[in-house]
Amino acid sequence: MFLNSYILGRLKNNWKGPGATLAIGAKETKIGEGNSVVTVRFKNAWTFSRLTISPSLGFGEGYMNGTITVEGDTMSFLGGF
């Protein structure tokens, strides 16, 4: 999906946090420098795409309904924004 590729490119170029792995479905992408301290798993591409519409609402709803899971240091990940 073009939109997801665009968003991932922007994240890679502008990420200020520690190393992180973003898993969208079966595809994993590393952002940041150093070893990944967190892995954020999006159940499907649509869940990731919702972040463009409303980042905080999309992330919060995805986390609450289980389509987004965070493994590792959540606070370090959130600090990258």
C-alpha atoms as a PDB file:
ATOM      1  CA  MET A   1       0.000   0.000   0.000  1.00  0.00           C
ATOM      2  CA  PHE A   2       1.499   3.312  -1.099  1.00  0.00           C
ATOM      3  CA  LEU A   3       0.266   5.248   1.923  1.00  0.00           C
ATOM      4  CA  ASN A   4       1.932   2.872   4.371  1.00  0.00           C
ATOM      5  CA  SER A   5       5.219   2.986   2.433  1.00  0.00           C
ATOM      6  CA  TYR A   6       5.091   6.783   2.485  1.00  0.00           C
ATOM      7  CA  ILE A   7       4.428   6.882   6.242  1.00  0.00           C
ATOM      8  CA  LEU A   8       7.238   4.415   6.962  1.00  0.00           C
ATOM      9  CA  GLY A   9       9.630   6.510   4.870  1.00  0.00           C
ATOM     10  CA  ARG A  10       8.720   9.634   6.822  1.00  0.00           C
ATOM     11  CA  LEU A  11       9.156   7.816  10.128  1.00  0.00           C
ATOM     12  CA  LYS A  12      12.585   6.508   9.122  1.00  0.00           C
ATOM     13  CA  ASN A  13      13.754   9.998   8.124  1.00  0.00           C
ATOM     14  CA  ASN A  14      12.324  11.885  11.100  1.00  0.00           C
ATOM     15  CA  TRP A  15      12.434   9.408  13.990  1.00  0.00           C
ATOM     16  CA  LYS A  16      14.013  10.928  17.107  1.00  0.00           C
ATOM     17  CA  GLY A  17      13.647   7.954  19.419  1.00  0.00           C
ATOM     18  CA  PRO A  18      15.635   4.800  20.023  1.00  0.00           C
ATOM     19  CA  GLY A  19      15.670   1.843  17.674  1.00  0.00           C
ATOM     20  CA  ALA A  20      12.231   0.357  17.165  1.00  0.00           C
ATOM     21  CA  THR A  21      10.693  -2.340  15.004  1.00  0.00           C
ATOM     22  CA  LEU A  22       7.331  -1.752  13.367  1.00  0.00           C
ATOM     23  CA  ALA A  23       5.569  -4.930  12.263  1.00  0.00           C
ATOM     24  CA  ILE A  24       2.667  -4.400   9.879  1.00  0.00           C
ATOM     25  CA  GLY A  25       1.100  -7.781   9.283  1.00  0.00           C
ATOM     26  CA  ALA A  26       4.051 -10.051   8.428  1.00  0.00           C
ATOM     27  CA  LYS A  27       6.379  -7.232   7.268  1.00  0.00           C
ATOM     28  CA  GLU A  28       8.848  -5.788   9.787  1.00  0.00           C
ATOM     29  CA  THR A  29      10.616  -2.444   9.410  1.00  0.00           C
ATOM     30  CA  LYS A  30      13.304  -1.033  11.710  1.00  0.00           C
ATOM     31  CA  ILE A  31      13.400   2.681  12.477  1.00  0.00           C
ATOM     32  CA  GLY A  32      15.865   4.638  14.576  1.00  0.00           C
ATOM     33  CA  GLU A  33      19.446   3.872  15.462  1.00  0.00           C
ATOM     34  CA  GLY A  34      20.840   1.064  17.551  1.00  0.00           C
ATOM     35  CA  ASN A  35      19.141  -2.087  18.701  1.00  0.00           C
ATOM     36  CA  SER A  36      15.362  -2.124  18.874  1.00  0.00           C
ATOM     37  CA  VAL A  37      14.102  -1.470  22.398  1.00  0.00           C
ATOM     38  CA  VAL A  38      10.475  -1.903  21.360  1.00  0.00           C
ATOM     39  CA  THR A  39       8.425  -3.742  18.762  1.00  0.00           C
ATOM     40  CA  VAL A  40       5.066  -2.316  17.765  1.00  0.00           C
ATOM     41  CA  ARG A  41       2.849  -4.829  15.979  1.00  0.00           C
ATOM     42  CA  PHE A  42      -0.040  -3.717  13.788  1.00  0.00           C
ATOM     43  CA  LYS A  43      -2.449  -6.569  13.049  1.00  0.00           C
ATOM     44  CA  ASN A  44      -3.023  -5.343   9.488  1.00  0.00           C
ATOM     45  CA  ALA A  45      -2.229  -2.499   7.094  1.00  0.00           C
ATOM     46  CA  TRP A  46      -5.543  -0.748   7.758  1.00  0.00           C
ATOM     47  CA  THR A  47      -4.697  -0.395  11.446  1.00  0.00           C
ATOM     48  CA  PHE A  48      -1.415   1.312  10.510  1.00  0.00           C
ATOM     49  CA  SER A  49      -3.163   3.538   7.950  1.00  0.00           C
ATOM     50  CA  ARG A  50      -5.618   4.795  10.580  1.00  0.00           C
ATOM     51  CA  LEU A  51      -2.725   6.588  12.252  1.00  0.00           C
ATOM     52  CA  THR A  52      -2.676   9.083   9.374  1.00  0.00           C
ATOM     53  CA  ILE A  53      -6.301  10.041   9.966  1.00  0.00           C
ATOM     54  CA  SER A  54      -5.999  10.589  13.702  1.00  0.00           C
ATOM     55  CA  PRO A  55      -2.708   9.443  15.256  1.00  0.00           C
ATOM     56  CA  SER A  56      -3.615   9.555  18.941  1.00  0.00           C
ATOM     57  CA  LEU A  57      -7.148   8.225  18.489  1.00  0.00           C
ATOM     58  CA  GLY A  58      -6.048   5.565  15.999  1.00  0.00           C
ATOM     59  CA  PHE A  59      -3.224   4.369  18.242  1.00  0.00           C
ATOM     60  CA  GLY A  60      -5.357   4.429  21.379  1.00  0.00           C
ATOM     61  CA  GLU A  61      -8.256   2.559  19.817  1.00  0.00           C
ATOM     62  CA  GLY A  62      -5.947   0.042  18.158  1.00  0.00           C
ATOM     63  CA  TYR A  63      -4.162  -0.603  21.442  1.00  0.00           C
ATOM     64  CA  MET A  64      -7.412  -0.989  23.356  1.00  0.00           C
ATOM     65  CA  ASN A  65      -9.041  -3.366  20.851  1.00  0.00           C
ATOM     66  CA  GLY A  66      -5.882  -5.460  20.385  1.00  0.00           C
ATOM     67  CA  THR A  67      -5.011  -4.611  16.775  1.00  0.00           C
ATOM     68  CA  ILE A  68      -1.866  -2.840  18.022  1.00  0.00           C
ATOM     69  CA  THR A  69       0.456  -4.481  20.526  1.00  0.00           C
ATOM     70  CA  VAL A  70       3.617  -3.037  22.037  1.00  0.00           C
ATOM     71  CA  GLU A  71       6.444  -5.293  23.200  1.00  0.00           C
ATOM     72  CA  GLY A  72       9.243  -3.647  25.126  1.00  0.00           C
ATOM     73  CA  ASP A  73       9.829  -0.120  26.429  1.00  0.00           C
ATOM     74  CA  THR A  74       6.619   1.723  25.533  1.00  0.00           C
ATOM     75  CA  MET A  75       7.688   5.048  27.054  1.00  0.00           C
ATOM     76  CA  SER A  76      10.895   5.151  24.985  1.00  0.00           C
ATOM     77  CA  PHE A  77       8.847   4.512  21.857  1.00  0.00           C
ATOM     78  CA  LEU A  78       6.359   7.286  22.640  1.00  0.00           C
ATOM     79  CA  GLY A  79       9.258   9.657  23.363  1.00  0.00           C
ATOM     80  CA  GLY A  80      10.390   9.324  19.743  1.00  0.00           C
ATOM     81  CA  PHE A  81       7.485  11.417  18.562  1.00  0.00           C
END
